[in-house]
Amino acid sequence: MPRPYAAVFIHGLAKKPAPDKLKELWLWGMSRDNPRPDVFPPPNRGINLISKGVPHFFIYYADVFYGEDYETELQSYYEQDDDLELLAAEQLDQLEEGLKLPRAVTPREHAFLVNFEAKLSATAVLTPPAQSPQPATPAEETNLEIASWLPSGVKKAIIKKAAMEAFYFLFDKEYERADGKRFKVRQELRSRLLGALAKAQGAGEKIVIVSHSMGTMVAYDVLRNCPECPQVDTLITLGSPLGITEVQDELVAMDAGAGGVDFPAAKLRRWINIYDRLDPVAADPKLANDYRAVEGRSVEDIEEANWGKWRHTITHYFAGTRLRRALAEAVGIA
């Protein structure tokens, strides 16, 4: 018999640990009690989906770009404070050999790449590589520019990876991995999420999607542009690039008219967008002013700062009290 709720998770940017390990890390990030009490004062109870009997399904797509060359340095998911080491652990400090960076064919594709990279560049002011970062204190945070400490090589790698994944997905380009395997990226990622949603529909009366980073584009696309998508109760987006105009332009539904992107009300009841204003991937982080309200439903933007100078890590988002409150409510955990 179905449970009251089922959750579906979809990850974000860059190479990831093996699927089972990534699932373990996400569940750990959600379930631990009182993480970083210096940032989020106790009580800050974790959410243990297993003990609460909430069925959950993970969408893994890093293999489309990176194959089975899994991330093995996992310190970034824990309470890492050295931000350059954290970026290295998340495979964001360099471009892996064999990655097929996008090549624009049409003027629209060229404009997308130029403008998308410019938007991310604007959130990460270059500093010389010799200027190694130190963890930000709460007192310093108000004066901290978004990722202004990033060395130029690291900044370039982050922007190029984000642009690559966004381009191949949004324009449904064929990506050929280093081992020769090919994927039509948008079709493949849609299919994976729709498959998980079908399983969730059988496991829970209501479905909750939790998406991070580039995964938020996949979630919105399926909800708005795939008629076969089942009804979803709540969408939670974390560290999302959905505020970037060039991303929105490629996600507009055919029936949206001149109004541009909108709330996917035909499939979704509630959309909660949680952002850290110092997260460089969440360029233009507030979404309610971009995604037109439909049938009285609109995006709920919630700002929640985590810690350090690199603010995009998923387990840092999962430590937040506002995120946990929203997620607990969404999956029916008191």
C-alpha atoms as a PDB file:
ATOM      1  CA  MET A   1       0.000   0.000   0.000  1.00  0.00           C
ATOM      2  CA  PRO A   2       1.425   3.441  -0.891  1.00  0.00           C
ATOM      3  CA  ARG A   3       2.845   5.620   1.857  1.00  0.00           C
ATOM      4  CA  PRO A   4       1.538   9.191   2.238  1.00  0.00           C
ATOM      5  CA  TYR A   5       4.627  10.682   0.551  1.00  0.00           C
ATOM      6  CA  ALA A   6       7.500   9.606  -1.678  1.00  0.00           C
ATOM      7  CA  ALA A   7      10.595  11.695  -2.410  1.00  0.00           C
ATOM      8  CA  VAL A   8      12.637  11.959  -5.608  1.00  0.00           C
ATOM      9  CA  PHE A   9      16.131  13.491  -5.556  1.00  0.00           C
ATOM     10  CA  ILE A  10      18.201  14.756  -8.475  1.00  0.00           C
ATOM     11  CA  HIS A  11      21.796  15.933  -8.108  1.00  0.00           C
ATOM     12  CA  GLY A  12      23.670  18.780  -9.729  1.00  0.00           C
ATOM     13  CA  LEU A  13      26.841  19.936 -11.421  1.00  0.00           C
ATOM     14  CA  ALA A  14      30.044  17.966 -12.081  1.00  0.00           C
ATOM     15  CA  LYS A  15      31.435  14.491 -11.471  1.00  0.00           C
ATOM     16  CA  LYS A  16      29.889  12.625  -8.529  1.00  0.00           C
ATOM     17  CA  PRO A  17      30.604   9.636  -6.304  1.00  0.00           C
ATOM     18  CA  ALA A  18      29.152   6.282  -7.358  1.00  0.00           C
ATOM     19  CA  PRO A  19      25.332   6.293  -7.210  1.00  0.00           C
ATOM     20  CA  ASP A  20      24.993   4.324  -3.968  1.00  0.00           C
ATOM     21  CA  LYS A  21      27.633   6.462  -2.256  1.00  0.00           C
ATOM     22  CA  LEU A  22      26.000   9.693  -3.391  1.00  0.00           C
ATOM     23  CA  LYS A  23      22.670   8.476  -2.057  1.00  0.00           C
ATOM     24  CA  GLU A  24      24.335   7.640   1.268  1.00  0.00           C
ATOM     25  CA  LEU A  25      25.863  11.131   1.464  1.00  0.00           C
ATOM     26  CA  TRP A  26      22.580  12.892   0.685  1.00  0.00           C
ATOM     27  CA  LEU A  27      20.724  10.878   3.322  1.00  0.00           C
ATOM     28  CA  TRP A  28      23.499  11.600   5.821  1.00  0.00           C
ATOM     29  CA  GLY A  29      23.338  15.317   5.038  1.00  0.00           C
ATOM     30  CA  MET A  30      19.624  15.383   5.755  1.00  0.00           C
ATOM     31  CA  SER A  31      19.546  13.129   8.792  1.00  0.00           C
ATOM     32  CA  ARG A  32      22.311  14.361  11.116  1.00  0.00           C
ATOM     33  CA  ASP A  33      21.204  16.340  14.146  1.00  0.00           C
ATOM     34  CA  ASN A  34      22.588  19.807  14.889  1.00  0.00           C
ATOM     35  CA  PRO A  35      25.195  20.105  12.108  1.00  0.00           C
ATOM     36  CA  ARG A  36      27.382  23.201  12.390  1.00  0.00           C
ATOM     37  CA  PRO A  37      25.788  24.654  15.525  1.00  0.00           C
ATOM     38  CA  ASP A  38      27.990  27.717  15.014  1.00  0.00           C
ATOM     39  CA  VAL A  39      25.988  28.461  11.855  1.00  0.00           C
ATOM     40  CA  PHE A  40      22.578  26.944  12.619  1.00  0.00           C
ATOM     41  CA  PRO A  41      21.806  27.182  16.359  1.00  0.00           C
ATOM     42  CA  PRO A  42      20.310  24.047  17.954  1.00  0.00           C
ATOM     43  CA  PRO A  43      17.857  22.514  18.020  1.00  0.00           C
ATOM     44  CA  ASN A  44      18.247  21.566  14.372  1.00  0.00           C
ATOM     45  CA  ARG A  45      16.853  18.072  14.069  1.00  0.00           C
ATOM     46  CA  GLY A  46      17.742  15.914  11.105  1.00  0.00           C
ATOM     47  CA  ILE A  47      15.247  14.268   8.755  1.00  0.00           C
ATOM     48  CA  ASN A  48      15.684  10.501   8.591  1.00  0.00           C
ATOM     49  CA  LEU A  49      13.633   9.314   5.640  1.00  0.00           C
ATOM     50  CA  ILE A  50      14.481   5.670   6.296  1.00  0.00           C
ATOM     51  CA  SER A  51      13.336   5.588   9.924  1.00  0.00           C
ATOM     52  CA  LYS A  52      10.229   7.607   9.014  1.00  0.00           C
ATOM     53  CA  GLY A  53       9.320   5.179   6.259  1.00  0.00           C
ATOM     54  CA  VAL A  54       9.400   7.703   3.406  1.00  0.00           C
ATOM     55  CA  PRO A  55      10.132   5.962   0.079  1.00  0.00           C
ATOM     56  CA  HIS A  56      12.856   7.784  -1.830  1.00  0.00           C
ATOM     57  CA  PHE A  57      14.428   7.545  -5.261  1.00  0.00           C
ATOM     58  CA  PHE A  58      17.650   9.087  -6.580  1.00  0.00           C
ATOM     59  CA  ILE A  59      18.183  10.296 -10.135  1.00  0.00           C
ATOM     60  CA  TYR A  60      21.820   9.976 -11.129  1.00  0.00           C
ATOM     61  CA  TYR A  61      23.029  11.508 -14.378  1.00  0.00           C
ATOM     62  CA  ALA A  62      26.730  12.325 -13.866  1.00  0.00           C
ATOM     63  CA  ASP A  63      27.563   9.166 -15.819  1.00  0.00           C
ATOM     64  CA  VAL A  64      26.148  10.775 -18.974  1.00  0.00           C
ATOM     65  CA  PHE A  65      29.142  13.130 -19.003  1.00  0.00           C
ATOM     66  CA  TYR A  66      31.740  11.370 -16.862  1.00  0.00           C
ATOM     67  CA  GLY A  67      31.026   7.649 -17.222  1.00  0.00           C
ATOM     68  CA  GLU A  68      32.073   5.481 -14.293  1.00  0.00           C
ATOM     69  CA  ASP A  69      35.062   7.648 -13.432  1.00  0.00           C
ATOM     70  CA  TYR A  70      33.486   8.381 -10.063  1.00  0.00           C
ATOM     71  CA  GLU A  71      34.525  11.031  -7.591  1.00  0.00           C
ATOM     72  CA  THR A  72      36.406   9.334  -4.754  1.00  0.00           C
ATOM     73  CA  GLU A  73      37.489  12.293  -2.612  1.00  0.00           C
ATOM     74  CA  LEU A  74      34.405  12.825  -0.473  1.00  0.00           C
ATOM     75  CA  GLN A  75      35.577  15.403   2.067  1.00  0.00           C
ATOM     76  CA  SER A  76      33.643  18.163   0.323  1.00  0.00           C
ATOM     77  CA  TYR A  77      30.377  16.606   1.455  1.00  0.00           C
ATOM     78  CA  TYR A  78      31.428  16.780   5.075  1.00  0.00           C
ATOM     79  CA  GLU A  79      32.292  19.855   7.130  1.00  0.00           C
ATOM     80  CA  GLN A  80      35.218  20.978   5.016  1.00  0.00           C
ATOM     81  CA  ASP A  81      36.459  24.524   5.658  1.00  0.00           C
ATOM     82  CA  ASP A  82      39.371  24.785   3.212  1.00  0.00           C
ATOM     83  CA  ASP A  83      37.462  26.072   0.222  1.00  0.00           C
ATOM     84  CA  LEU A  84      40.029  25.276  -2.464  1.00  0.00           C
ATOM     85  CA  GLU A  85      40.363  21.718  -1.178  1.00  0.00           C
ATOM     86  CA  LEU A  86      36.578  21.518  -1.131  1.00  0.00           C
ATOM     87  CA  LEU A  87      36.399  22.551  -4.788  1.00  0.00           C
ATOM     88  CA  ALA A  88      39.047  20.010  -5.700  1.00  0.00           C
ATOM     89  CA  ALA A  89      37.098  17.309  -3.886  1.00  0.00           C
ATOM     90  CA  GLU A  90      33.951  18.246  -5.803  1.00  0.00           C
ATOM     91  CA  GLN A  91      35.893  17.962  -9.082  1.00  0.00           C
ATOM     92  CA  LEU A  92      35.235  21.636  -9.808  1.00  0.00           C
ATOM     93  CA  ASP A  93      38.795  22.932  -9.895  1.00  0.00           C
ATOM     94  CA  GLN A  94      39.792  21.489 -13.264  1.00  0.00           C
ATOM     95  CA  LEU A  95      38.448  20.243 -16.581  1.00  0.00           C
ATOM     96  CA  GLU A  96      38.806  16.485 -16.899  1.00  0.00           C
ATOM     97  CA  GLU A  97      40.602  15.124 -19.930  1.00  0.00           C
ATOM     98  CA  GLY A  98      38.139  13.932 -22.546  1.00  0.00           C
ATOM     99  CA  LEU A  99      35.273  16.286 -21.710  1.00  0.00           C
ATOM    100  CA  LYS A 100      33.521  17.436 -24.881  1.00  0.00           C
ATOM    101  CA  LEU A 101      33.057  21.155 -24.389  1.00  0.00           C
ATOM    102  CA  PRO A 102      30.156  22.540 -26.420  1.00  0.00           C
ATOM    103  CA  ARG A 103      30.521  23.987 -29.887  1.00  0.00           C
ATOM    104  CA  ALA A 104      27.811  26.377 -30.967  1.00  0.00           C
ATOM    105  CA  VAL A 105      26.320  25.782 -34.412  1.00  0.00           C
ATOM    106  CA  THR A 106      23.572  28.397 -34.575  1.00  0.00           C
ATOM    107  CA  PRO A 107      23.584  32.063 -33.530  1.00  0.00           C
ATOM    108  CA  ARG A 108      21.159  31.173 -30.726  1.00  0.00           C
ATOM    109  CA  GLU A 109      23.528  28.540 -29.363  1.00  0.00           C
ATOM    110  CA  HIS A 110      26.464  30.919 -29.595  1.00  0.00           C
ATOM    111  CA  ALA A 111      24.536  33.643 -27.765  1.00  0.00           C
ATOM    112  CA  PHE A 112      23.541  31.163 -25.062  1.00  0.00           C
ATOM    113  CA  LEU A 113      27.124  30.125 -24.338  1.00  0.00           C
ATOM    114  CA  VAL A 114      28.473  33.672 -24.362  1.00  0.00           C
ATOM    115  CA  ASN A 115      25.739  35.074 -22.142  1.00  0.00           C
ATOM    116  CA  PHE A 116      25.477  32.094 -19.769  1.00  0.00           C
ATOM    117  CA  GLU A 117      29.203  32.143 -19.094  1.00  0.00           C
ATOM    118  CA  ALA A 118      29.098  35.924 -18.678  1.00  0.00           C
ATOM    119  CA  LYS A 119      26.350  35.641 -16.061  1.00  0.00           C
ATOM    120  CA  LEU A 120      28.350  33.148 -14.003  1.00  0.00           C
ATOM    121  CA  SER A 121      31.526  35.170 -14.478  1.00  0.00           C
ATOM    122  CA  ALA A 122      29.782  38.219 -13.076  1.00  0.00           C
ATOM    123  CA  THR A 123      29.183  36.362  -9.809  1.00  0.00           C
ATOM    124  CA  ALA A 124      32.834  35.372  -9.393  1.00  0.00           C
ATOM    125  CA  VAL A 125      35.247  38.303  -9.478  1.00  0.00           C
ATOM    126  CA  LEU A 126      38.750  37.132 -10.329  1.00  0.00           C
ATOM    127  CA  THR A 127      41.499  37.219  -7.740  1.00  0.00           C
ATOM    128  CA  PRO A 128      45.120  36.135  -8.227  1.00  0.00           C
ATOM    129  CA  PRO A 129      45.688  32.404  -7.544  1.00  0.00           C
ATOM    130  CA  ALA A 130      48.157  33.257  -4.776  1.00  0.00           C
ATOM    131  CA  GLN A 131      45.377  34.665  -2.616  1.00  0.00           C
ATOM    132  CA  SER A 132      44.317  31.541  -0.754  1.00  0.00           C
ATOM    133  CA  PRO A 133      40.928  31.857   0.965  1.00  0.00           C
ATOM    134  CA  GLN A 134      40.165  31.562   4.637  1.00  0.00           C
ATOM    135  CA  PRO A 135      36.751  30.573   5.999  1.00  0.00           C
ATOM    136  CA  ALA A 136      34.427  33.530   6.356  1.00  0.00           C
ATOM    137  CA  THR A 137      33.216  34.525   9.781  1.00  0.00           C
ATOM    138  CA  PRO A 138      29.646  35.794  10.293  1.00  0.00           C
ATOM    139  CA  ALA A 139      31.017  39.299  10.811  1.00  0.00           C
ATOM    140  CA  GLU A 140      32.856  39.189   7.482  1.00  0.00           C
ATOM    141  CA  GLU A 141      29.991  37.699   5.516  1.00  0.00           C
ATOM    142  CA  THR A 142      28.132  40.931   4.887  1.00  0.00           C
ATOM    143  CA  ASN A 143      31.154  42.252   2.962  1.00  0.00           C
ATOM    144  CA  LEU A 144      31.955  39.048   1.083  1.00  0.00           C
ATOM    145  CA  GLU A 145      31.507  39.160  -2.677  1.00  0.00           C
ATOM    146  CA  ILE A 146      30.145  36.063  -4.339  1.00  0.00           C
ATOM    147  CA  ALA A 147      33.129  33.742  -4.856  1.00  0.00           C
ATOM    148  CA  SER A 148      35.397  36.759  -5.314  1.00  0.00           C
ATOM    149  CA  TRP A 149      38.277  34.665  -3.968  1.00  0.00           C
ATOM    150  CA  LEU A 150      38.211  32.116  -6.813  1.00  0.00           C
ATOM    151  CA  PRO A 151      41.541  31.732  -8.633  1.00  0.00           C
ATOM    152  CA  SER A 152      41.147  32.267 -12.369  1.00  0.00           C
ATOM    153  CA  GLY A 153      41.759  28.622 -13.319  1.00  0.00           C
ATOM    154  CA  VAL A 154      39.202  27.330 -10.837  1.00  0.00           C
ATOM    155  CA  LYS A 155      36.669  29.916 -11.906  1.00  0.00           C
ATOM    156  CA  LYS A 156      37.114  28.960 -15.543  1.00  0.00           C
ATOM    157  CA  ALA A 157      36.641  25.252 -14.799  1.00  0.00           C
ATOM    158  CA  ILE A 158      33.424  25.847 -12.853  1.00  0.00           C
ATOM    159  CA  ILE A 159      31.951  28.076 -15.543  1.00  0.00           C
ATOM    160  CA  LYS A 160      32.935  25.752 -18.392  1.00  0.00           C
ATOM    161  CA  LYS A 161      31.440  22.682 -16.680  1.00  0.00           C
ATOM    162  CA  ALA A 162      28.212  24.496 -15.867  1.00  0.00           C
ATOM    163  CA  ALA A 163      27.948  25.826 -19.422  1.00  0.00           C
ATOM    164  CA  MET A 164      28.689  22.389 -20.869  1.00  0.00           C
ATOM    165  CA  GLU A 165      26.028  20.571 -18.869  1.00  0.00           C
ATOM    166  CA  ALA A 166      23.437  23.301 -19.398  1.00  0.00           C
ATOM    167  CA  PHE A 167      24.115  23.524 -23.151  1.00  0.00           C
ATOM    168  CA  TYR A 168      23.926  19.803 -23.880  1.00  0.00           C
ATOM    169  CA  PHE A 169      20.730  19.512 -21.844  1.00  0.00           C
ATOM    170  CA  LEU A 170      18.854  22.605 -22.955  1.00  0.00           C
ATOM    171  CA  PHE A 171      19.653  22.137 -26.654  1.00  0.00           C
ATOM    172  CA  ASP A 172      19.271  18.331 -26.453  1.00  0.00           C
ATOM    173  CA  LYS A 173      22.658  17.803 -28.020  1.00  0.00           C
ATOM    174  CA  GLU A 174      24.244  14.413 -28.413  1.00  0.00           C
ATOM    175  CA  TYR A 175      27.131  13.960 -25.998  1.00  0.00           C
ATOM    176  CA  GLU A 176      29.824  11.391 -26.706  1.00  0.00           C
ATOM    177  CA  ARG A 177      31.667  10.213 -23.613  1.00  0.00           C
ATOM    178  CA  ALA A 178      35.359   9.435 -23.548  1.00  0.00           C
ATOM    179  CA  ASP A 179      34.483   5.723 -23.916  1.00  0.00           C
ATOM    180  CA  GLY A 180      32.445   6.397 -27.065  1.00  0.00           C
ATOM    181  CA  LYS A 181      28.975   5.987 -25.560  1.00  0.00           C
ATOM    182  CA  ARG A 182      26.493   8.580 -26.806  1.00  0.00           C
ATOM    183  CA  PHE A 183      23.476  10.240 -25.198  1.00  0.00           C
ATOM    184  CA  LYS A 184      20.864  12.696 -26.394  1.00  0.00           C
ATOM    185  CA  VAL A 185      21.171  14.550 -23.124  1.00  0.00           C
ATOM    186  CA  ARG A 186      17.760  16.160 -22.653  1.00  0.00           C
ATOM    187  CA  GLN A 187      15.937  13.018 -23.733  1.00  0.00           C
ATOM    188  CA  GLU A 188      18.080  10.855 -21.463  1.00  0.00           C
ATOM    189  CA  LEU A 189      17.703  13.016 -18.361  1.00  0.00           C
ATOM    190  CA  ARG A 190      13.977  13.449 -18.914  1.00  0.00           C
ATOM    191  CA  SER A 191      13.604   9.692 -19.236  1.00  0.00           C
ATOM    192  CA  ARG A 192      15.488   9.028 -16.008  1.00  0.00           C
ATOM    193  CA  LEU A 193      13.446  11.504 -13.996  1.00  0.00           C
ATOM    194  CA  LEU A 194      10.143  10.332 -15.484  1.00  0.00           C
ATOM    195  CA  GLY A 195      11.079   6.743 -14.643  1.00  0.00           C
ATOM    196  CA  ALA A 196      11.761   7.644 -11.023  1.00  0.00           C
ATOM    197  CA  LEU A 197       8.558   9.663 -10.792  1.00  0.00           C
ATOM    198  CA  ALA A 198       6.589   6.655 -12.042  1.00  0.00           C
ATOM    199  CA  LYS A 199       8.131   4.549  -9.277  1.00  0.00           C
ATOM    200  CA  ALA A 200       7.406   7.252  -6.717  1.00  0.00           C
ATOM    201  CA  GLN A 201       3.804   7.448  -7.891  1.00  0.00           C
ATOM    202  CA  GLY A 202       3.390   3.794  -7.013  1.00  0.00           C
ATOM    203  CA  ALA A 203       5.155   4.165  -3.661  1.00  0.00           C
ATOM    204  CA  GLY A 204       3.531   7.327  -2.296  1.00  0.00           C
ATOM    205  CA  GLU A 205       0.226   9.148  -2.508  1.00  0.00           C
ATOM    206  CA  LYS A 206       2.066  12.453  -2.977  1.00  0.00           C
ATOM    207  CA  ILE A 207       5.428  13.099  -4.627  1.00  0.00           C
ATOM    208  CA  VAL A 208       8.113  15.544  -3.497  1.00  0.00           C
ATOM    209  CA  ILE A 209      11.073  16.439  -5.746  1.00  0.00           C
ATOM    210  CA  VAL A 210      14.285  17.791  -4.207  1.00  0.00           C
ATOM    211  CA  SER A 211      16.691  19.088  -6.848  1.00  0.00           C
ATOM    212  CA  HIS A 212      20.086  20.773  -6.702  1.00  0.00           C
ATOM    213  CA  SER A 213      22.060  22.925  -9.112  1.00  0.00           C
ATOM    214  CA  MET A 214      21.773  21.764 -12.742  1.00  0.00           C
ATOM    215  CA  GLY A 215      19.272  19.143 -11.601  1.00  0.00           C
ATOM    216  CA  THR A 216      16.749  21.924 -11.001  1.00  0.00           C
ATOM    217  CA  MET A 217      16.633  22.537 -14.766  1.00  0.00           C
ATOM    218  CA  VAL A 218      15.727  18.894 -15.367  1.00  0.00           C
ATOM    219  CA  ALA A 219      13.028  19.002 -12.696  1.00  0.00           C
ATOM    220  CA  TYR A 220      11.389  22.146 -14.073  1.00  0.00           C
ATOM    221  CA  ASP A 221      11.607  20.913 -17.663  1.00  0.00           C
ATOM    222  CA  VAL A 222       9.856  17.636 -16.867  1.00  0.00           C
ATOM    223  CA  LEU A 223       7.158  19.342 -14.801  1.00  0.00           C
ATOM    224  CA  ARG A 224       6.403  21.972 -17.437  1.00  0.00           C
ATOM    225  CA  ASN A 225       7.218  20.335 -20.744  1.00  0.00           C
ATOM    226  CA  CYS A 226       6.467  16.607 -20.370  1.00  0.00           C
ATOM    227  CA  PRO A 227       2.724  15.802 -20.482  1.00  0.00           C
ATOM    228  CA  GLU A 228       3.381  12.307 -19.116  1.00  0.00           C
ATOM    229  CA  CYS A 229       4.783  13.722 -15.859  1.00  0.00           C
ATOM    230  CA  PRO A 230       2.603  12.669 -12.898  1.00  0.00           C
ATOM    231  CA  GLN A 231       1.218  15.130 -10.385  1.00  0.00           C
ATOM    232  CA  VAL A 232       3.848  16.402  -7.954  1.00  0.00           C
ATOM    233  CA  ASP A 233       2.943  17.938  -4.620  1.00  0.00           C
ATOM    234  CA  THR A 234       6.126  19.913  -3.865  1.00  0.00           C
ATOM    235  CA  LEU A 235       9.259  20.902  -5.764  1.00  0.00           C
ATOM    236  CA  ILE A 236      12.270  22.091  -3.753  1.00  0.00           C
ATOM    237  CA  THR A 237      15.070  23.735  -5.730  1.00  0.00           C
ATOM    238  CA  LEU A 238      18.468  24.356  -4.121  1.00  0.00           C
ATOM    239  CA  GLY A 239      21.298  26.481  -5.520  1.00  0.00           C
ATOM    240  CA  SER A 240      19.442  26.808  -8.802  1.00  0.00           C
ATOM    241  CA  PRO A 241      20.547  28.481 -12.059  1.00  0.00           C
ATOM    242  CA  LEU A 242      16.891  28.796 -13.142  1.00  0.00           C
ATOM    243  CA  GLY A 243      17.093  32.560 -12.634  1.00  0.00           C
ATOM    244  CA  ILE A 244      19.441  32.973 -15.609  1.00  0.00           C
ATOM    245  CA  THR A 245      17.548  34.466 -18.552  1.00  0.00           C
ATOM    246  CA  GLU A 246      19.319  32.297 -21.117  1.00  0.00           C
ATOM    247  CA  VAL A 247      18.254  29.159 -19.233  1.00  0.00           C
ATOM    248  CA  GLN A 248      14.672  30.383 -19.042  1.00  0.00           C
ATOM    249  CA  ASP A 249      14.594  31.077 -22.778  1.00  0.00           C
ATOM    250  CA  GLU A 250      15.229  27.387 -23.505  1.00  0.00           C
ATOM    251  CA  LEU A 251      12.664  26.128 -20.975  1.00  0.00           C
ATOM    252  CA  VAL A 252       9.644  28.185 -22.069  1.00  0.00           C
ATOM    253  CA  ALA A 253       6.724  25.879 -22.819  1.00  0.00           C
ATOM    254  CA  MET A 254       5.114  26.073 -26.250  1.00  0.00           C
ATOM    255  CA  ASP A 255       1.775  27.034 -24.698  1.00  0.00           C
ATOM    256  CA  ALA A 256       3.225  29.715 -22.397  1.00  0.00           C
ATOM    257  CA  GLY A 257       2.675  32.519 -24.890  1.00  0.00           C
ATOM    258  CA  ALA A 258       4.521  35.796 -24.609  1.00  0.00           C
ATOM    259  CA  GLY A 259       4.653  35.605 -20.833  1.00  0.00           C
ATOM    260  CA  GLY A 260       7.784  33.463 -20.750  1.00  0.00           C
ATOM    261  CA  VAL A 261       8.490  30.845 -18.097  1.00  0.00           C
ATOM    262  CA  ASP A 262       5.744  30.224 -15.594  1.00  0.00           C
ATOM    263  CA  PHE A 263       4.752  28.151 -12.587  1.00  0.00           C
ATOM    264  CA  PRO A 264       4.018  24.588 -13.799  1.00  0.00           C
ATOM    265  CA  ALA A 265       0.598  24.568 -12.144  1.00  0.00           C
ATOM    266  CA  ALA A 266      -0.848  21.754 -14.260  1.00  0.00           C
ATOM    267  CA  LYS A 267       1.546  19.319 -12.550  1.00  0.00           C
ATOM    268  CA  LEU A 268       2.747  21.049  -9.369  1.00  0.00           C
ATOM    269  CA  ARG A 269       1.073  22.336  -6.208  1.00  0.00           C
ATOM    270  CA  ARG A 270       3.971  24.073  -4.425  1.00  0.00           C
ATOM    271  CA  TRP A 271       7.475  25.260  -5.369  1.00  0.00           C
ATOM    272  CA  ILE A 272      10.031  26.220  -2.708  1.00  0.00           C
ATOM    273  CA  ASN A 273      13.310  27.747  -3.888  1.00  0.00           C
ATOM    274  CA  ILE A 274      16.106  27.925  -1.310  1.00  0.00           C
ATOM    275  CA  TYR A 275      19.249  29.861  -2.105  1.00  0.00           C
ATOM    276  CA  ASP A 276      22.402  31.250  -0.572  1.00  0.00           C
ATOM    277  CA  ARG A 277      23.121  34.651  -2.092  1.00  0.00           C
ATOM    278  CA  LEU A 278      26.844  33.792  -2.117  1.00  0.00           C
ATOM    279  CA  ASP A 279      26.313  30.656  -4.200  1.00  0.00           C
ATOM    280  CA  PRO A 280      27.836  31.546  -7.599  1.00  0.00           C
ATOM    281  CA  VAL A 281      25.871  28.884  -9.495  1.00  0.00           C
ATOM    282  CA  ALA A 282      22.594  30.390  -8.295  1.00  0.00           C
ATOM    283  CA  ALA A 283      23.070  33.489 -10.413  1.00  0.00           C
ATOM    284  CA  ASP A 284      19.982  35.708 -10.023  1.00  0.00           C
ATOM    285  CA  PRO A 285      18.803  33.408  -7.221  1.00  0.00           C
ATOM    286  CA  LYS A 286      15.241  34.671  -6.666  1.00  0.00           C
ATOM    287  CA  LEU A 287      12.782  32.973  -9.000  1.00  0.00           C
ATOM    288  CA  ALA A 288       9.363  34.341  -8.047  1.00  0.00           C
ATOM    289  CA  ASN A 289       9.895  37.483 -10.104  1.00  0.00           C
ATOM    290  CA  ASP A 290      10.771  35.441 -13.223  1.00  0.00           C
ATOM    291  CA  TYR A 291       8.348  32.507 -13.174  1.00  0.00           C
ATOM    292  CA  ARG A 292       4.881  33.926 -13.710  1.00  0.00           C
ATOM    293  CA  ALA A 293       2.250  32.923 -11.157  1.00  0.00           C
ATOM    294  CA  VAL A 294      -0.457  30.581 -12.460  1.00  0.00           C
ATOM    295  CA  GLU A 295      -3.777  29.837 -10.745  1.00  0.00           C
ATOM    296  CA  GLY A 296      -2.592  31.750  -7.699  1.00  0.00           C
ATOM    297  CA  ARG A 297       0.539  29.620  -7.311  1.00  0.00           C
ATOM    298  CA  SER A 298       3.994  31.160  -7.342  1.00  0.00           C
ATOM    299  CA  VAL A 299       7.546  30.320  -6.309  1.00  0.00           C
ATOM    300  CA  GLU A 300       8.358  30.738  -2.614  1.00  0.00           C
ATOM    301  CA  ASP A 301      11.905  32.127  -2.409  1.00  0.00           C
ATOM    302  CA  ILE A 302      13.734  31.427   0.856  1.00  0.00           C
ATOM    303  CA  GLU A 303      17.217  32.764   1.546  1.00  0.00           C
ATOM    304  CA  GLU A 304      19.392  30.640   3.824  1.00  0.00           C
ATOM    305  CA  ALA A 305      23.141  31.151   4.151  1.00  0.00           C
ATOM    306  CA  ASN A 306      25.339  28.159   4.912  1.00  0.00           C
ATOM    307  CA  TRP A 307      29.084  28.559   5.610  1.00  0.00           C
ATOM    308  CA  GLY A 308      32.518  29.103   4.140  1.00  0.00           C
ATOM    309  CA  LYS A 309      33.259  30.837   0.873  1.00  0.00           C
ATOM    310  CA  TRP A 310      32.109  28.038  -1.437  1.00  0.00           C
ATOM    311  CA  ARG A 311      28.343  27.899  -0.864  1.00  0.00           C
ATOM    312  CA  HIS A 312      27.129  25.438  -3.495  1.00  0.00           C
ATOM    313  CA  THR A 313      27.739  22.107  -1.711  1.00  0.00           C
ATOM    314  CA  ILE A 314      24.542  20.066  -1.305  1.00  0.00           C
ATOM    315  CA  THR A 315      25.215  18.836   2.243  1.00  0.00           C
ATOM    316  CA  HIS A 316      25.722  22.448   3.328  1.00  0.00           C
ATOM    317  CA  TYR A 317      22.252  23.254   2.005  1.00  0.00           C
ATOM    318  CA  PHE A 318      20.858  20.184   3.784  1.00  0.00           C
ATOM    319  CA  ALA A 319      22.198  21.467   7.112  1.00  0.00           C
ATOM    320  CA  GLY A 320      19.985  24.560   7.024  1.00  0.00           C
ATOM    321  CA  THR A 321      17.113  24.933   9.463  1.00  0.00           C
ATOM    322  CA  ARG A 322      14.813  26.559   6.894  1.00  0.00           C
ATOM    323  CA  LEU A 323      15.472  23.839   4.354  1.00  0.00           C
ATOM    324  CA  ARG A 324      14.836  21.154   6.944  1.00  0.00           C
ATOM    325  CA  ARG A 325      11.627  22.797   8.047  1.00  0.00           C
ATOM    326  CA  ALA A 326      10.393  22.972   4.453  1.00  0.00           C
ATOM    327  CA  LEU A 327      11.422  19.398   3.651  1.00  0.00           C
ATOM    328  CA  ALA A 328       9.909  17.961   6.832  1.00  0.00           C
ATOM    329  CA  GLU A 329       6.619  19.673   6.059  1.00  0.00           C
ATOM    330  CA  ALA A 330       6.737  18.538   2.438  1.00  0.00           C
ATOM    331  CA  VAL A 331       7.160  14.832   3.313  1.00  0.00           C
ATOM    332  CA  GLY A 332       4.767  14.890   6.260  1.00  0.00           C
ATOM    333  CA  ILE A 333       7.298  14.565   9.082  1.00  0.00           C
ATOM    334  CA  ALA A 334       6.287  16.512  12.169  1.00  0.00           C
END
